[in-house]
Amino acid sequence: MGVIDMTAMRYINLLDRTSRVKTRKCFVHNGVIFFAVNREEVSKAIGPSAVNIRRIQEQIGKKIRIIREDEGVEDIKRFIEDVVSPIRPKAVEARDGCVTITAGNNQNKASLIGRNKRRFLELKKIIHDTYNLDLKII
């Protein structure tokens, strides 16, 4: 896990005050703030009729998503698919200290990389902080 900056700490505290759910993982990808929470607490974090999500979005003025926290390297495929959704990668493999995402077509690949490699670099940092692995998109 990487270093939590003050902005991320404020977002984590806001989630805790709003939904009474504790998490240590908060990151930004493609302008959306992600909170990774335990599988049992995802519905509690979202709230009835997504009231907690709407309340947080109104306070910070950005979109947020609640995803399930990974339970190890075997969950890396689901974790990456949750982060890059609605893009559906063809395959995700983790071996030899590197995560390889097979995009499938050029449009998916361009969406995963982003302009000036911005999305690629964000995703690379998230994967390195979470799993201590490198990222490759083909």
N, C-alpha and C. Protein backbone atom coordinates (compact mmCIF):
# COMPACT_ATOMS: atom_id res chain seq x y z
N MET A 1 0.84 -1.17 0.00
CA MET A 1 0.00 0.00 0.00
C MET A 1 0.88 1.23 0.00
N GLY A 2 0.56 2.17 -0.85
CA GLY A 2 1.32 3.40 -0.97
C GLY A 2 1.01 4.36 0.16
N VAL A 3 1.68 5.48 0.13
CA VAL A 3 1.49 6.51 1.13
C VAL A 3 0.15 7.20 0.88
N ILE A 4 -0.59 7.43 1.95
CA ILE A 4 -1.88 8.11 1.83
C ILE A 4 -1.64 9.60 2.01
N ASP A 5 -1.98 10.39 1.00
CA ASP A 5 -1.81 11.84 1.10
C ASP A 5 -3.01 12.44 1.84
N MET A 6 -2.93 13.75 2.12
CA MET A 6 -3.97 14.40 2.91
C MET A 6 -5.32 14.41 2.20
N THR A 7 -5.32 14.53 0.88
CA THR A 7 -6.58 14.53 0.15
C THR A 7 -7.28 13.18 0.30
N ALA A 8 -6.52 12.11 0.12
CA ALA A 8 -7.09 10.77 0.27
C ALA A 8 -7.58 10.55 1.70
N MET A 9 -6.83 11.06 2.67
CA MET A 9 -7.23 10.91 4.07
C MET A 9 -8.56 11.64 4.33
N ARG A 10 -8.74 12.80 3.74
CA ARG A 10 -10.01 13.52 3.89
C ARG A 10 -11.17 12.73 3.28
N TYR A 11 -10.93 12.14 2.10
CA TYR A 11 -11.97 11.34 1.46
C TYR A 11 -12.32 10.12 2.31
N ILE A 12 -11.31 9.46 2.86
CA ILE A 12 -11.54 8.28 3.71
C ILE A 12 -12.34 8.68 4.95
N ASN A 13 -11.99 9.79 5.57
CA ASN A 13 -12.73 10.25 6.75
C ASN A 13 -14.16 10.62 6.40
N LEU A 14 -14.37 11.19 5.23
CA LEU A 14 -15.73 11.53 4.79
C LEU A 14 -16.57 10.27 4.60
N LEU A 15 -15.99 9.23 4.00
CA LEU A 15 -16.71 7.96 3.86
C LEU A 15 -17.04 7.38 5.23
N ASP A 16 -16.10 7.46 6.16
CA ASP A 16 -16.32 6.93 7.51
C ASP A 16 -17.43 7.68 8.23
N ARG A 17 -17.44 9.01 8.14
CA ARG A 17 -18.49 9.80 8.80
C ARG A 17 -19.86 9.58 8.16
N THR A 18 -19.89 9.42 6.85
CA THR A 18 -21.16 9.29 6.15
C THR A 18 -21.76 7.90 6.30
N SER A 19 -20.95 6.86 6.15
CA SER A 19 -21.51 5.51 6.10
C SER A 19 -21.06 4.60 7.25
N ARG A 20 -20.18 5.08 8.10
CA ARG A 20 -19.64 4.27 9.20
C ARG A 20 -18.91 3.02 8.71
N VAL A 21 -18.23 3.15 7.56
CA VAL A 21 -17.45 2.05 7.00
C VAL A 21 -15.99 2.48 6.96
N LYS A 22 -15.12 1.65 7.49
CA LYS A 22 -13.69 1.96 7.52
C LYS A 22 -13.00 1.33 6.31
N THR A 23 -12.07 2.09 5.74
CA THR A 23 -11.25 1.58 4.64
C THR A 23 -9.89 2.24 4.70
N ARG A 24 -8.91 1.62 4.08
CA ARG A 24 -7.57 2.20 3.98
C ARG A 24 -7.20 2.44 2.54
N LYS A 25 -8.08 2.06 1.62
CA LYS A 25 -7.75 2.19 0.20
C LYS A 25 -8.67 3.18 -0.48
N CYS A 26 -8.07 4.26 -0.91
CA CYS A 26 -8.77 5.30 -1.64
C CYS A 26 -7.82 5.78 -2.73
N PHE A 27 -8.31 5.81 -3.98
CA PHE A 27 -7.46 6.26 -5.07
C PHE A 27 -8.33 6.90 -6.15
N VAL A 28 -7.68 7.64 -7.03
CA VAL A 28 -8.37 8.33 -8.12
C VAL A 28 -7.93 7.71 -9.44
N HIS A 29 -8.90 7.37 -10.28
CA HIS A 29 -8.61 6.87 -11.62
C HIS A 29 -9.62 7.49 -12.57
N ASN A 30 -9.14 8.15 -13.59
CA ASN A 30 -9.97 8.75 -14.62
C ASN A 30 -10.97 9.76 -14.03
N GLY A 31 -10.54 10.50 -13.02
CA GLY A 31 -11.39 11.52 -12.44
C GLY A 31 -12.45 11.00 -11.47
N VAL A 32 -12.44 9.72 -11.19
CA VAL A 32 -13.41 9.11 -10.27
C VAL A 32 -12.66 8.66 -9.02
N ILE A 33 -13.24 8.94 -7.86
CA ILE A 33 -12.63 8.53 -6.60
C ILE A 33 -13.16 7.14 -6.24
N PHE A 34 -12.26 6.20 -6.03
CA PHE A 34 -12.61 4.82 -5.69
C PHE A 34 -12.31 4.56 -4.23
N PHE A 35 -13.24 3.88 -3.57
CA PHE A 35 -13.04 3.38 -2.22
C PHE A 35 -13.13 1.86 -2.30
N ALA A 36 -12.10 1.17 -1.83
CA ALA A 36 -12.12 -0.28 -1.79
C ALA A 36 -12.44 -0.69 -0.35
N VAL A 37 -13.59 -1.33 -0.16
CA VAL A 37 -14.04 -1.73 1.17
C VAL A 37 -14.22 -3.25 1.23
N ASN A 38 -14.35 -3.77 2.44
CA ASN A 38 -14.55 -5.21 2.61
C ASN A 38 -15.83 -5.65 1.92
N ARG A 39 -15.83 -6.90 1.48
CA ARG A 39 -16.97 -7.45 0.74
C ARG A 39 -18.26 -7.35 1.54
N GLU A 40 -18.19 -7.57 2.85
CA GLU A 40 -19.38 -7.54 3.69
C GLU A 40 -19.95 -6.13 3.87
N GLU A 41 -19.12 -5.10 3.66
CA GLU A 41 -19.55 -3.74 3.95
C GLU A 41 -19.84 -2.90 2.70
N VAL A 42 -19.82 -3.49 1.52
CA VAL A 42 -20.05 -2.73 0.29
C VAL A 42 -21.45 -2.12 0.30
N SER A 43 -22.46 -2.91 0.63
CA SER A 43 -23.83 -2.39 0.61
C SER A 43 -24.04 -1.34 1.69
N LYS A 44 -23.39 -1.49 2.83
CA LYS A 44 -23.48 -0.50 3.89
C LYS A 44 -22.83 0.82 3.45
N ALA A 45 -21.71 0.73 2.73
CA ALA A 45 -21.02 1.93 2.25
C ALA A 45 -21.85 2.66 1.20
N ILE A 46 -22.54 1.91 0.35
CA ILE A 46 -23.37 2.52 -0.69
C ILE A 46 -24.61 3.15 -0.06
N GLY A 47 -25.20 2.46 0.90
CA GLY A 47 -26.37 2.99 1.59
C GLY A 47 -27.66 2.64 0.87
N PRO A 48 -28.79 2.81 1.57
CA PRO A 48 -30.08 2.52 0.93
C PRO A 48 -30.35 3.51 -0.19
N SER A 49 -30.69 2.99 -1.35
CA SER A 49 -30.93 3.81 -2.56
C SER A 49 -29.73 4.70 -2.88
N ALA A 50 -28.53 4.25 -2.57
CA ALA A 50 -27.27 4.95 -2.85
C ALA A 50 -27.22 6.34 -2.23
N VAL A 51 -27.85 6.51 -1.08
CA VAL A 51 -27.89 7.82 -0.44
C VAL A 51 -26.50 8.26 0.03
N ASN A 52 -25.67 7.34 0.51
CA ASN A 52 -24.33 7.71 0.97
C ASN A 52 -23.45 8.19 -0.18
N ILE A 53 -23.56 7.52 -1.31
CA ILE A 53 -22.77 7.92 -2.48
C ILE A 53 -23.18 9.32 -2.92
N ARG A 54 -24.48 9.57 -3.01
CA ARG A 54 -24.94 10.89 -3.44
C ARG A 54 -24.52 11.98 -2.47
N ARG A 55 -24.57 11.69 -1.18
CA ARG A 55 -24.18 12.67 -0.17
C ARG A 55 -22.69 13.03 -0.31
N ILE A 56 -21.85 12.03 -0.49
CA ILE A 56 -20.41 12.28 -0.64
C ILE A 56 -20.13 13.02 -1.94
N GLN A 57 -20.78 12.62 -3.03
CA GLN A 57 -20.58 13.28 -4.31
C GLN A 57 -20.96 14.75 -4.25
N GLU A 58 -22.03 15.07 -3.55
CA GLU A 58 -22.45 16.47 -3.40
C GLU A 58 -21.43 17.27 -2.60
N GLN A 59 -20.84 16.65 -1.58
CA GLN A 59 -19.90 17.37 -0.73
C GLN A 59 -18.57 17.64 -1.43
N ILE A 60 -18.08 16.68 -2.23
CA ILE A 60 -16.76 16.88 -2.84
C ILE A 60 -16.84 17.28 -4.30
N GLY A 61 -18.00 17.14 -4.92
CA GLY A 61 -18.16 17.58 -6.30
C GLY A 61 -17.51 16.67 -7.32
N LYS A 62 -17.26 15.44 -6.97
CA LYS A 62 -16.68 14.46 -7.90
C LYS A 62 -17.45 13.16 -7.81
N LYS A 63 -17.35 12.34 -8.86
CA LYS A 63 -17.99 11.03 -8.84
C LYS A 63 -17.18 10.09 -7.95
N ILE A 64 -17.90 9.20 -7.27
CA ILE A 64 -17.22 8.18 -6.47
C ILE A 64 -17.78 6.81 -6.82
N ARG A 65 -16.96 5.80 -6.58
CA ARG A 65 -17.40 4.41 -6.75
C ARG A 65 -16.89 3.61 -5.57
N ILE A 66 -17.72 2.70 -5.11
CA ILE A 66 -17.36 1.78 -4.04
C ILE A 66 -17.13 0.42 -4.70
N ILE A 67 -15.93 -0.12 -4.52
CA ILE A 67 -15.63 -1.44 -5.07
C ILE A 67 -15.21 -2.37 -3.94
N ARG A 68 -15.24 -3.66 -4.25
CA ARG A 68 -14.85 -4.67 -3.28
C ARG A 68 -13.34 -4.72 -3.15
N GLU A 69 -12.86 -4.79 -1.92
CA GLU A 69 -11.43 -4.84 -1.67
C GLU A 69 -10.88 -6.19 -2.13
N ASP A 70 -9.66 -6.17 -2.62
CA ASP A 70 -9.03 -7.40 -3.08
C ASP A 70 -8.68 -8.27 -1.88
N GLU A 71 -8.66 -9.57 -2.12
CA GLU A 71 -8.32 -10.51 -1.07
C GLU A 71 -7.03 -11.24 -1.40
N GLY A 72 -6.23 -10.68 -2.28
CA GLY A 72 -4.96 -11.28 -2.68
C GLY A 72 -4.77 -11.17 -4.17
N VAL A 73 -3.66 -11.70 -4.64
CA VAL A 73 -3.31 -11.60 -6.06
C VAL A 73 -4.31 -12.37 -6.93
N GLU A 74 -4.97 -13.38 -6.38
CA GLU A 74 -5.95 -14.14 -7.17
C GLU A 74 -7.17 -13.29 -7.55
N ASP A 75 -7.41 -12.19 -6.83
CA ASP A 75 -8.53 -11.30 -7.13
C ASP A 75 -8.16 -10.16 -8.07
N ILE A 76 -6.96 -10.19 -8.62
CA ILE A 76 -6.48 -9.05 -9.41
C ILE A 76 -7.34 -8.80 -10.65
N LYS A 77 -7.84 -9.86 -11.29
CA LYS A 77 -8.67 -9.70 -12.49
C LYS A 77 -9.95 -8.94 -12.16
N ARG A 78 -10.65 -9.34 -11.12
CA ARG A 78 -11.88 -8.67 -10.72
C ARG A 78 -11.61 -7.24 -10.29
N PHE A 79 -10.53 -7.02 -9.54
CA PHE A 79 -10.19 -5.69 -9.07
C PHE A 79 -9.93 -4.74 -10.25
N ILE A 80 -9.16 -5.16 -11.23
CA ILE A 80 -8.86 -4.32 -12.39
C ILE A 80 -10.12 -4.08 -13.22
N GLU A 81 -10.94 -5.10 -13.40
CA GLU A 81 -12.19 -4.91 -14.15
C GLU A 81 -13.11 -3.91 -13.45
N ASP A 82 -13.13 -3.93 -12.11
CA ASP A 82 -13.94 -2.95 -11.38
C ASP A 82 -13.42 -1.54 -11.57
N VAL A 83 -12.11 -1.38 -11.60
CA VAL A 83 -11.51 -0.05 -11.73
C VAL A 83 -11.71 0.51 -13.12
N VAL A 84 -11.50 -0.30 -14.17
CA VAL A 84 -11.56 0.22 -15.54
C VAL A 84 -12.95 0.13 -16.16
N SER A 85 -13.94 -0.34 -15.41
CA SER A 85 -15.30 -0.44 -15.93
C SER A 85 -15.77 0.90 -16.47
N PRO A 86 -16.42 0.98 -17.56
CA PRO A 86 -17.14 0.00 -18.37
C PRO A 86 -16.29 -0.69 -19.44
N ILE A 87 -15.00 -0.42 -19.50
CA ILE A 87 -14.12 -1.12 -20.45
C ILE A 87 -13.97 -2.56 -19.99
N ARG A 88 -14.14 -3.49 -20.91
CA ARG A 88 -14.01 -4.91 -20.60
C ARG A 88 -12.74 -5.45 -21.26
N PRO A 89 -11.67 -5.63 -20.49
CA PRO A 89 -10.46 -6.21 -21.08
C PRO A 89 -10.70 -7.67 -21.46
N LYS A 90 -9.99 -8.10 -22.49
CA LYS A 90 -10.13 -9.48 -22.97
C LYS A 90 -9.57 -10.46 -21.95
N ALA A 91 -8.40 -10.12 -21.36
CA ALA A 91 -7.77 -11.00 -20.38
C ALA A 91 -6.89 -10.17 -19.44
N VAL A 92 -6.74 -10.68 -18.21
CA VAL A 92 -5.84 -10.08 -17.22
C VAL A 92 -5.02 -11.22 -16.62
N GLU A 93 -3.69 -11.10 -16.70
CA GLU A 93 -2.81 -12.13 -16.15
C GLU A 93 -1.77 -11.50 -15.25
N ALA A 94 -1.43 -12.18 -14.17
CA ALA A 94 -0.37 -11.72 -13.27
C ALA A 94 0.68 -12.83 -13.18
N ARG A 95 1.87 -12.52 -13.70
CA ARG A 95 2.98 -13.47 -13.56
C ARG A 95 4.30 -12.76 -13.76
N ASP A 96 5.33 -13.29 -13.17
CA ASP A 96 6.69 -12.76 -13.26
C ASP A 96 6.77 -11.30 -12.84
N GLY A 97 6.04 -10.91 -11.81
CA GLY A 97 6.10 -9.56 -11.29
C GLY A 97 5.45 -8.51 -12.17
N CYS A 98 4.58 -8.94 -13.09
CA CYS A 98 3.95 -8.01 -14.02
C CYS A 98 2.50 -8.42 -14.26
N VAL A 99 1.63 -7.42 -14.32
CA VAL A 99 0.23 -7.64 -14.68
C VAL A 99 0.09 -7.27 -16.15
N THR A 100 -0.42 -8.20 -16.95
CA THR A 100 -0.61 -7.96 -18.37
C THR A 100 -2.11 -7.91 -18.65
N ILE A 101 -2.54 -6.77 -19.22
CA ILE A 101 -3.94 -6.60 -19.59
C ILE A 101 -4.01 -6.68 -21.10
N THR A 102 -4.77 -7.65 -21.61
CA THR A 102 -5.01 -7.76 -23.05
C THR A 102 -6.29 -7.01 -23.34
N ALA A 103 -6.16 -5.93 -24.10
CA ALA A 103 -7.30 -5.02 -24.32
C ALA A 103 -8.34 -5.62 -25.25
N GLY A 104 -7.92 -6.34 -26.26
CA GLY A 104 -8.87 -6.94 -27.19
C GLY A 104 -8.92 -6.21 -28.51
N ASN A 105 -9.20 -4.91 -28.50
CA ASN A 105 -9.22 -4.14 -29.74
C ASN A 105 -8.56 -2.78 -29.51
N ASN A 106 -8.35 -2.04 -30.57
CA ASN A 106 -7.65 -0.77 -30.46
C ASN A 106 -8.41 0.27 -29.66
N GLN A 107 -9.74 0.26 -29.75
CA GLN A 107 -10.53 1.23 -28.99
C GLN A 107 -10.38 0.99 -27.49
N ASN A 108 -10.45 -0.26 -27.05
CA ASN A 108 -10.25 -0.58 -25.63
C ASN A 108 -8.84 -0.20 -25.18
N LYS A 109 -7.87 -0.50 -26.04
CA LYS A 109 -6.48 -0.19 -25.70
C LYS A 109 -6.29 1.32 -25.55
N ALA A 110 -6.86 2.09 -26.46
CA ALA A 110 -6.76 3.55 -26.38
C ALA A 110 -7.46 4.07 -25.13
N SER A 111 -8.58 3.48 -24.77
CA SER A 111 -9.31 3.89 -23.57
C SER A 111 -8.53 3.56 -22.30
N LEU A 112 -7.84 2.43 -22.29
CA LEU A 112 -7.05 2.05 -21.13
C LEU A 112 -5.81 2.93 -20.97
N ILE A 113 -5.21 3.33 -22.07
CA ILE A 113 -3.99 4.14 -22.01
C ILE A 113 -4.32 5.61 -21.78
N GLY A 114 -5.31 6.15 -22.49
CA GLY A 114 -5.71 7.54 -22.30
C GLY A 114 -4.77 8.51 -23.00
N ARG A 115 -5.19 9.76 -23.08
CA ARG A 115 -4.37 10.80 -23.71
C ARG A 115 -3.13 11.05 -22.87
N ASN A 116 -2.00 11.10 -23.54
CA ASN A 116 -0.69 11.30 -22.90
C ASN A 116 -0.41 10.25 -21.82
N LYS A 117 -0.95 9.05 -21.99
CA LYS A 117 -0.76 7.92 -21.07
C LYS A 117 -1.24 8.21 -19.65
N ARG A 118 -2.15 9.14 -19.49
CA ARG A 118 -2.61 9.54 -18.16
C ARG A 118 -3.28 8.39 -17.43
N ARG A 119 -4.24 7.71 -18.07
CA ARG A 119 -4.95 6.59 -17.42
C ARG A 119 -4.02 5.43 -17.16
N PHE A 120 -3.10 5.17 -18.09
CA PHE A 120 -2.13 4.09 -17.92
C PHE A 120 -1.27 4.34 -16.68
N LEU A 121 -0.78 5.56 -16.52
CA LEU A 121 0.08 5.88 -15.38
C LEU A 121 -0.69 5.82 -14.06
N GLU A 122 -1.96 6.26 -14.07
CA GLU A 122 -2.79 6.15 -12.86
C GLU A 122 -2.99 4.69 -12.48
N LEU A 123 -3.35 3.86 -13.46
CA LEU A 123 -3.59 2.45 -13.20
C LEU A 123 -2.31 1.74 -12.77
N LYS A 124 -1.20 2.12 -13.38
CA LYS A 124 0.10 1.54 -13.01
C LYS A 124 0.43 1.83 -11.55
N LYS A 125 0.17 3.06 -11.10
CA LYS A 125 0.44 3.43 -9.71
C LYS A 125 -0.49 2.67 -8.77
N ILE A 126 -1.77 2.53 -9.14
CA ILE A 126 -2.72 1.80 -8.30
C ILE A 126 -2.29 0.35 -8.14
N ILE A 127 -1.90 -0.30 -9.24
CA ILE A 127 -1.49 -1.70 -9.19
C ILE A 127 -0.19 -1.86 -8.41
N HIS A 128 0.73 -0.91 -8.59
CA HIS A 128 1.99 -1.00 -7.85
C HIS A 128 1.75 -0.81 -6.35
N ASP A 129 0.88 0.13 -5.97
CA ASP A 129 0.60 0.36 -4.56
C ASP A 129 -0.16 -0.80 -3.93
N THR A 130 -1.06 -1.43 -4.70
CA THR A 130 -1.89 -2.49 -4.15
C THR A 130 -1.19 -3.85 -4.15
N TYR A 131 -0.55 -4.20 -5.27
CA TYR A 131 0.02 -5.55 -5.41
C TYR A 131 1.54 -5.56 -5.53
N ASN A 132 2.18 -4.40 -5.65
CA ASN A 132 3.61 -4.29 -5.86
C ASN A 132 4.04 -5.00 -7.15
N LEU A 133 3.22 -4.82 -8.21
CA LEU A 133 3.50 -5.41 -9.52
C LEU A 133 3.55 -4.30 -10.57
N ASP A 134 4.20 -4.59 -11.69
CA ASP A 134 4.27 -3.65 -12.80
C ASP A 134 3.07 -3.89 -13.72
N LEU A 135 2.83 -2.97 -14.66
CA LEU A 135 1.67 -3.07 -15.56
C LEU A 135 2.12 -3.01 -17.01
N LYS A 136 1.46 -3.83 -17.83
CA LYS A 136 1.70 -3.85 -19.27
C LYS A 136 0.36 -4.02 -19.95
N ILE A 137 0.09 -3.19 -20.96
CA ILE A 137 -1.16 -3.29 -21.73
C ILE A 137 -0.82 -3.66 -23.16
N ILE A 138 -1.43 -4.76 -23.63
CA ILE A 138 -1.20 -5.18 -25.02
C ILE A 138 -2.52 -5.28 -25.76
